[in-house]
N, C-alpha and C. Protein backbone atom coordinates (compact mmCIF):
# COMPACT_ATOMS: atom_id res chain seq x y z
N MET A 1 22.12 19.00 -1.32
CA MET A 1 21.17 19.10 -2.41
C MET A 1 20.08 18.03 -2.31
N GLU A 2 20.51 16.79 -2.01
CA GLU A 2 19.54 15.70 -1.88
C GLU A 2 18.51 15.99 -0.78
N GLU A 3 19.00 16.57 0.30
CA GLU A 3 18.10 16.89 1.41
C GLU A 3 17.06 17.93 0.99
N ILE A 4 17.45 18.91 0.22
CA ILE A 4 16.52 19.93 -0.26
C ILE A 4 15.45 19.30 -1.15
N VAL A 5 15.88 18.44 -2.07
CA VAL A 5 14.95 17.76 -2.97
C VAL A 5 14.00 16.88 -2.17
N SER A 6 14.52 16.16 -1.20
CA SER A 6 13.71 15.29 -0.36
C SER A 6 12.66 16.09 0.42
N ASN A 7 13.07 17.22 0.98
CA ASN A 7 12.14 18.08 1.71
C ASN A 7 11.04 18.62 0.81
N MET A 8 11.41 19.02 -0.40
CA MET A 8 10.41 19.52 -1.35
C MET A 8 9.42 18.43 -1.72
N LYS A 9 9.91 17.20 -1.92
CA LYS A 9 9.02 16.08 -2.25
C LYS A 9 8.07 15.81 -1.09
N ASN A 10 8.57 15.80 0.13
CA ASN A 10 7.73 15.56 1.29
C ASN A 10 6.66 16.63 1.43
N GLN A 11 7.02 17.88 1.19
CA GLN A 11 6.04 18.97 1.27
C GLN A 11 4.97 18.82 0.20
N ASN A 12 5.37 18.44 -1.01
CA ASN A 12 4.40 18.22 -2.09
C ASN A 12 3.48 17.05 -1.77
N ASP A 13 4.04 15.98 -1.20
CA ASP A 13 3.23 14.83 -0.82
C ASP A 13 2.20 15.21 0.24
N GLU A 14 2.62 16.00 1.22
CA GLU A 14 1.70 16.44 2.27
C GLU A 14 0.57 17.29 1.69
N LYS A 15 0.89 18.18 0.77
CA LYS A 15 -0.13 19.02 0.13
C LYS A 15 -1.10 18.17 -0.68
N ARG A 16 -0.56 17.17 -1.41
CA ARG A 16 -1.41 16.29 -2.21
C ARG A 16 -2.38 15.52 -1.32
N VAL A 17 -1.87 14.98 -0.21
CA VAL A 17 -2.72 14.21 0.70
C VAL A 17 -3.81 15.11 1.28
N LYS A 18 -3.46 16.31 1.73
CA LYS A 18 -4.46 17.23 2.28
C LYS A 18 -5.53 17.56 1.24
N ARG A 19 -5.09 17.88 0.02
CA ARG A 19 -6.04 18.22 -1.06
C ARG A 19 -6.96 17.04 -1.36
N ASP A 20 -6.38 15.85 -1.53
CA ASP A 20 -7.18 14.69 -1.88
C ASP A 20 -8.14 14.30 -0.75
N LYS A 21 -7.73 14.49 0.51
CA LYS A 21 -8.63 14.19 1.63
C LYS A 21 -9.86 15.08 1.59
N ILE A 22 -9.67 16.33 1.21
CA ILE A 22 -10.80 17.26 1.12
C ILE A 22 -11.68 16.92 -0.09
N LEU A 23 -11.06 16.69 -1.24
CA LEU A 23 -11.81 16.42 -2.46
C LEU A 23 -12.63 15.13 -2.39
N PHE A 24 -12.12 14.12 -1.70
CA PHE A 24 -12.75 12.80 -1.71
C PHE A 24 -13.27 12.39 -0.33
N LYS A 25 -13.57 13.36 0.52
CA LYS A 25 -13.99 13.05 1.90
C LYS A 25 -15.32 12.32 1.99
N ASP A 26 -16.14 12.41 0.96
CA ASP A 26 -17.45 11.76 0.98
C ASP A 26 -17.46 10.40 0.27
N VAL A 27 -16.33 9.97 -0.23
CA VAL A 27 -16.25 8.70 -0.96
C VAL A 27 -15.97 7.58 0.04
N ILE A 28 -16.81 6.54 -0.02
CA ILE A 28 -16.67 5.40 0.91
C ILE A 28 -16.49 4.12 0.11
N HIS A 29 -15.44 3.38 0.42
CA HIS A 29 -15.17 2.10 -0.22
C HIS A 29 -15.65 1.00 0.74
N ARG A 30 -16.94 0.71 0.69
CA ARG A 30 -17.55 -0.25 1.60
C ARG A 30 -16.93 -1.64 1.42
N GLY A 31 -16.69 -2.31 2.54
CA GLY A 31 -16.13 -3.65 2.50
C GLY A 31 -14.64 -3.71 2.26
N VAL A 32 -13.98 -2.56 2.28
CA VAL A 32 -12.53 -2.54 2.04
C VAL A 32 -11.84 -2.01 3.29
N THR A 33 -10.81 -2.72 3.74
CA THR A 33 -10.06 -2.37 4.94
C THR A 33 -8.62 -2.04 4.57
N CYS A 34 -8.08 -1.00 5.18
CA CYS A 34 -6.66 -0.68 5.00
C CYS A 34 -5.85 -1.77 5.69
N ASP A 35 -4.91 -2.36 4.96
CA ASP A 35 -4.14 -3.47 5.51
C ASP A 35 -3.03 -3.05 6.47
N ILE A 36 -2.82 -1.75 6.65
CA ILE A 36 -1.83 -1.31 7.63
C ILE A 36 -2.52 -0.81 8.90
N CYS A 37 -3.39 0.20 8.77
CA CYS A 37 -4.00 0.78 9.97
C CYS A 37 -5.34 0.14 10.34
N LYS A 38 -5.84 -0.75 9.48
CA LYS A 38 -7.07 -1.51 9.71
C LYS A 38 -8.35 -0.66 9.70
N THR A 39 -8.26 0.57 9.16
CA THR A 39 -9.45 1.41 9.02
C THR A 39 -10.41 0.74 8.05
N THR A 40 -11.67 0.67 8.46
CA THR A 40 -12.70 0.09 7.60
C THR A 40 -14.02 0.82 7.78
N PRO A 41 -14.69 1.19 6.74
CA PRO A 41 -14.26 1.13 5.35
C PRO A 41 -13.24 2.23 5.06
N ILE A 42 -12.54 2.10 3.95
CA ILE A 42 -11.63 3.16 3.53
C ILE A 42 -12.47 4.32 3.03
N VAL A 43 -12.19 5.51 3.57
CA VAL A 43 -12.88 6.73 3.16
C VAL A 43 -11.87 7.57 2.39
N GLY A 44 -12.29 8.07 1.24
CA GLY A 44 -11.38 8.84 0.39
C GLY A 44 -10.79 7.94 -0.67
N ILE A 45 -9.61 8.26 -1.10
CA ILE A 45 -8.97 7.47 -2.16
C ILE A 45 -8.47 6.14 -1.59
N ARG A 46 -8.71 5.09 -2.36
CA ARG A 46 -8.24 3.74 -2.01
C ARG A 46 -7.06 3.40 -2.92
N TYR A 47 -6.03 2.83 -2.34
CA TYR A 47 -4.86 2.40 -3.10
C TYR A 47 -4.80 0.88 -3.06
N LYS A 48 -4.96 0.24 -4.22
CA LYS A 48 -4.96 -1.21 -4.33
C LYS A 48 -3.65 -1.66 -4.95
N SER A 49 -2.96 -2.56 -4.28
CA SER A 49 -1.68 -3.04 -4.77
C SER A 49 -1.85 -3.76 -6.10
N ALA A 50 -0.95 -3.46 -7.02
CA ALA A 50 -0.94 -4.13 -8.31
C ALA A 50 -0.07 -5.40 -8.27
N THR A 51 0.65 -5.60 -7.17
CA THR A 51 1.56 -6.74 -7.09
C THR A 51 1.21 -7.72 -5.97
N LYS A 52 0.52 -7.23 -4.94
CA LYS A 52 0.14 -8.10 -3.82
C LYS A 52 -1.36 -8.37 -3.89
N GLU A 53 -1.71 -9.62 -3.70
CA GLU A 53 -3.12 -9.99 -3.76
C GLU A 53 -3.88 -9.46 -2.54
N ASN A 54 -5.03 -8.83 -2.80
CA ASN A 54 -5.93 -8.35 -1.75
C ASN A 54 -5.19 -7.48 -0.72
N PHE A 55 -4.50 -6.46 -1.21
CA PHE A 55 -3.76 -5.54 -0.34
C PHE A 55 -4.17 -4.12 -0.70
N ASP A 56 -4.81 -3.43 0.25
CA ASP A 56 -5.32 -2.08 0.04
C ASP A 56 -4.80 -1.14 1.11
N LEU A 57 -4.61 0.13 0.74
CA LEU A 57 -4.18 1.14 1.69
C LEU A 57 -5.10 2.36 1.62
N CYS A 58 -5.26 3.01 2.77
CA CYS A 58 -5.94 4.30 2.80
C CYS A 58 -4.94 5.37 2.35
N ILE A 59 -5.41 6.58 2.19
CA ILE A 59 -4.55 7.66 1.70
C ILE A 59 -3.38 7.95 2.64
N ASP A 60 -3.62 7.89 3.96
CA ASP A 60 -2.55 8.19 4.92
C ASP A 60 -1.46 7.12 4.89
N CYS A 61 -1.86 5.86 4.86
CA CYS A 61 -0.88 4.77 4.87
C CYS A 61 -0.13 4.71 3.54
N GLU A 62 -0.79 5.01 2.44
CA GLU A 62 -0.09 5.03 1.16
C GLU A 62 0.99 6.11 1.16
N ALA A 63 0.68 7.27 1.73
CA ALA A 63 1.66 8.36 1.78
C ALA A 63 2.87 7.99 2.63
N ARG A 64 2.64 7.21 3.69
CA ARG A 64 3.74 6.86 4.60
C ARG A 64 4.49 5.59 4.19
N PHE A 65 3.76 4.60 3.64
CA PHE A 65 4.37 3.29 3.44
C PHE A 65 4.28 2.75 2.01
N GLY A 66 3.68 3.48 1.10
CA GLY A 66 3.40 2.94 -0.22
C GLY A 66 4.45 3.14 -1.29
N GLN A 67 5.62 3.61 -0.94
CA GLN A 67 6.62 3.91 -1.96
C GLN A 67 7.26 2.67 -2.58
N ASP A 68 7.18 1.53 -1.91
CA ASP A 68 7.87 0.34 -2.39
C ASP A 68 6.99 -0.61 -3.18
N ASP A 69 5.84 -0.14 -3.64
CA ASP A 69 4.92 -1.00 -4.39
C ASP A 69 4.26 -0.17 -5.48
N VAL A 70 3.58 -0.84 -6.37
CA VAL A 70 2.81 -0.20 -7.42
C VAL A 70 1.34 -0.31 -7.03
N PHE A 71 0.62 0.81 -7.03
CA PHE A 71 -0.77 0.82 -6.60
C PHE A 71 -1.68 1.40 -7.67
N LEU A 72 -2.89 0.84 -7.74
CA LEU A 72 -3.96 1.47 -8.50
C LEU A 72 -4.57 2.51 -7.59
N LYS A 73 -4.75 3.71 -8.07
CA LYS A 73 -5.35 4.79 -7.30
C LYS A 73 -6.83 4.81 -7.65
N ILE A 74 -7.67 4.39 -6.71
CA ILE A 74 -9.11 4.27 -6.97
C ILE A 74 -9.82 5.42 -6.26
N LYS A 75 -10.27 6.39 -7.05
CA LYS A 75 -10.89 7.58 -6.48
C LYS A 75 -12.33 7.32 -6.04
N ARG A 76 -13.03 6.47 -6.78
CA ARG A 76 -14.42 6.15 -6.44
C ARG A 76 -14.64 4.65 -6.67
N PRO A 77 -15.44 4.00 -5.81
CA PRO A 77 -15.66 2.55 -5.96
C PRO A 77 -16.15 2.17 -7.35
N GLU A 78 -17.00 3.00 -7.95
CA GLU A 78 -17.54 2.67 -9.28
C GLU A 78 -16.45 2.69 -10.34
N ASP A 79 -15.36 3.45 -10.13
CA ASP A 79 -14.24 3.44 -11.06
C ASP A 79 -13.61 2.05 -11.11
N PHE A 80 -13.45 1.42 -9.96
CA PHE A 80 -12.84 0.10 -9.91
C PHE A 80 -13.77 -0.95 -10.52
N GLU A 81 -15.06 -0.82 -10.26
CA GLU A 81 -16.02 -1.75 -10.86
C GLU A 81 -15.99 -1.67 -12.37
N LYS A 82 -15.85 -0.47 -12.92
CA LYS A 82 -15.73 -0.30 -14.37
C LYS A 82 -14.45 -0.95 -14.88
N TYR A 83 -13.37 -0.76 -14.16
CA TYR A 83 -12.08 -1.36 -14.54
C TYR A 83 -12.20 -2.88 -14.59
N LEU A 84 -12.82 -3.48 -13.59
CA LEU A 84 -12.99 -4.93 -13.54
C LEU A 84 -13.83 -5.42 -14.72
N ALA A 85 -14.86 -4.68 -15.07
CA ALA A 85 -15.74 -5.08 -16.16
C ALA A 85 -15.01 -5.05 -17.51
N GLU A 86 -14.07 -4.13 -17.66
CA GLU A 86 -13.34 -3.98 -18.92
C GLU A 86 -12.24 -5.02 -19.07
N TYR A 87 -11.69 -5.50 -17.96
CA TYR A 87 -10.55 -6.42 -18.04
C TYR A 87 -10.95 -7.71 -17.42
């Protein structure tokens, strides 16, 4: 049973990543580098760690390695700038 649930979760994650890559393919987070694969700038959704200082992931690395941390999901750079201004 656990294996079936795990497979379903993996399939849903893959679909989410594919969808989000298409939806946000034109979004560029200038000056931001993925701390795992070193892609710069991050294109698409940026994942910023809520627990580690200055730690960001691209969508692919978050899907593979991001389960053990809490991340802010930043769809557009201006969204993060608004967040910073409010807090």
